[in-house]
Amino acid sequence: MAERAGAEWASVDPTKPLIVEGVGALSRQNNALATVSVWLELDEATRRTRAIERDGQAYEPFWNTWAEQEEAFLRRESPRSLADVVVDFTETAA
C-alpha cells in the first residue's frame, strides 16, 4: 500500500475545547498535552461491523492491514493504561 500524504494544517481556537479521536490519538508522546484522556473499549467484531456500516464496503479490503497497525500501536503505546478515564463497552455491546 502506498504512503499517503497528510492533510493540510488547520488552525484551531486555543480557548475552545478540542476533541482528538482515533486509534492513535492517545500515545505516550501526546498524553501530556491532554487535559483529560479517555479510552473507549469495545470488542473487535463490533468495532469492525460499526466501521463498515459507517464507512461502507470500500474500506473492507483495508481492515486487516489497519487491524495489524492498530495492534502494533496498542502493544507499543498501551493507550488504555494512559487514560484518565476508561469506558468499557464490551459487556454492553451485544
Protein backbone atom coordinates (compact mmCIF):
# COMPACT_ATOMS: atom_id res chain seq x y z
CA MET A 1 0.00 0.00 0.00
CA ALA A 2 1.41 3.39 -0.95
CA GLU A 3 2.12 6.01 1.67
CA ARG A 4 -0.37 8.83 1.76
CA ALA A 5 0.38 12.47 2.40
CA GLY A 6 -1.00 14.12 5.49
CA ALA A 7 -3.85 16.59 5.32
CA GLU A 8 -3.34 20.31 5.27
CA TRP A 9 -2.70 22.22 8.51
CA ALA A 10 -5.72 23.70 10.25
CA SER A 11 -5.84 26.43 12.85
CA VAL A 12 -7.94 25.95 15.96
CA ASP A 13 -9.05 28.37 18.64
CA PRO A 14 -6.89 27.63 21.69
CA THR A 15 -9.58 28.96 24.02
CA LYS A 16 -12.08 26.28 22.99
CA PRO A 17 -12.11 22.57 23.80
CA LEU A 18 -10.68 20.27 21.17
CA ILE A 19 -11.51 16.57 20.97
CA VAL A 20 -8.98 14.39 19.18
CA GLU A 21 -10.17 10.86 18.49
CA GLY A 22 -8.97 7.78 16.76
CA VAL A 23 -6.80 4.76 17.39
CA GLY A 24 -3.55 6.73 17.53
CA ALA A 25 -4.91 9.73 19.41
CA LEU A 26 -3.63 8.63 22.84
CA SER A 27 0.09 7.91 22.98
CA ARG A 28 2.89 8.39 25.48
CA GLN A 29 4.19 11.31 23.46
CA ASN A 30 0.97 13.32 23.26
CA ASN A 31 -0.74 12.34 26.52
CA ALA A 32 0.99 15.14 28.44
CA LEU A 33 -0.73 17.65 26.15
CA ALA A 34 -4.21 16.41 27.04
CA THR A 35 -6.34 17.90 29.78
CA VAL A 36 -8.36 14.68 30.03
CA SER A 37 -7.69 11.44 28.18
CA VAL A 38 -10.43 8.87 27.66
CA TRP A 39 -10.12 5.30 26.38
CA LEU A 40 -13.21 3.59 24.96
CA GLU A 41 -13.01 -0.21 24.93
CA LEU A 42 -15.10 -2.28 22.52
CA ASP A 43 -14.63 -5.75 21.08
CA GLU A 44 -13.12 -6.05 17.60
CA ALA A 45 -16.12 -7.70 15.97
CA THR A 46 -18.45 -4.87 17.00
CA ARG A 47 -15.92 -2.20 16.03
CA ARG A 48 -15.46 -3.78 12.61
CA THR A 49 -19.20 -4.09 11.99
CA ARG A 50 -19.81 -0.48 13.00
CA ALA A 51 -16.91 0.84 10.93
CA ILE A 52 -18.02 -0.95 7.77
CA GLU A 53 -21.63 0.12 8.30
CA ARG A 54 -20.46 3.71 8.82
CA ASP A 55 -17.79 3.93 6.11
CA GLY A 56 -19.05 1.43 3.56
CA GLN A 57 -17.71 -1.70 1.92
CA ALA A 58 -14.97 0.26 0.14
CA TYR A 59 -12.97 0.10 3.38
CA GLU A 60 -13.40 -3.64 3.94
CA PRO A 61 -10.26 -4.63 1.97
CA PHE A 62 -8.14 -2.40 4.23
CA TRP A 63 -9.47 -3.66 7.56
CA ASN A 64 -6.87 -6.38 8.18
CA THR A 65 -3.99 -4.01 7.42
CA TRP A 66 -5.44 -1.39 9.75
CA ALA A 67 -6.04 -4.00 12.45
CA GLU A 68 -2.38 -5.07 12.29
CA GLN A 69 -1.25 -1.44 12.55
CA GLU A 70 -3.62 -0.91 15.47
CA GLU A 71 -2.33 -3.97 17.32
CA ALA A 72 1.27 -2.78 16.91
CA PHE A 73 0.30 0.66 18.23
CA LEU A 74 -1.56 -0.83 21.21
CA ARG A 75 1.44 -3.01 22.14
CA ARG A 76 3.89 -0.13 21.75
CA GLU A 77 1.92 2.68 23.42
CA SER A 78 -0.53 0.94 25.77
CA PRO A 79 -3.04 3.79 25.43
CA ARG A 80 -5.59 2.28 27.79
CA SER A 81 -3.07 2.49 30.63
CA LEU A 82 -2.50 6.18 29.85
CA ALA A 83 -6.16 7.16 30.03
CA ASP A 84 -7.62 9.18 32.87
CA VAL A 85 -10.98 7.55 32.22
CA VAL A 86 -11.70 4.10 30.75
CA VAL A 87 -15.19 3.33 29.46
CA ASP A 88 -15.62 -0.38 28.75
CA PHE A 89 -18.45 -1.15 26.35
CA THR A 90 -17.50 -4.81 25.84
CA GLU A 91 -20.26 -6.04 28.17
CA THR A 92 -22.98 -3.81 26.72
CA ALA A 93 -22.23 -4.18 23.00
CA ALA A 94 -24.06 -7.46 22.50
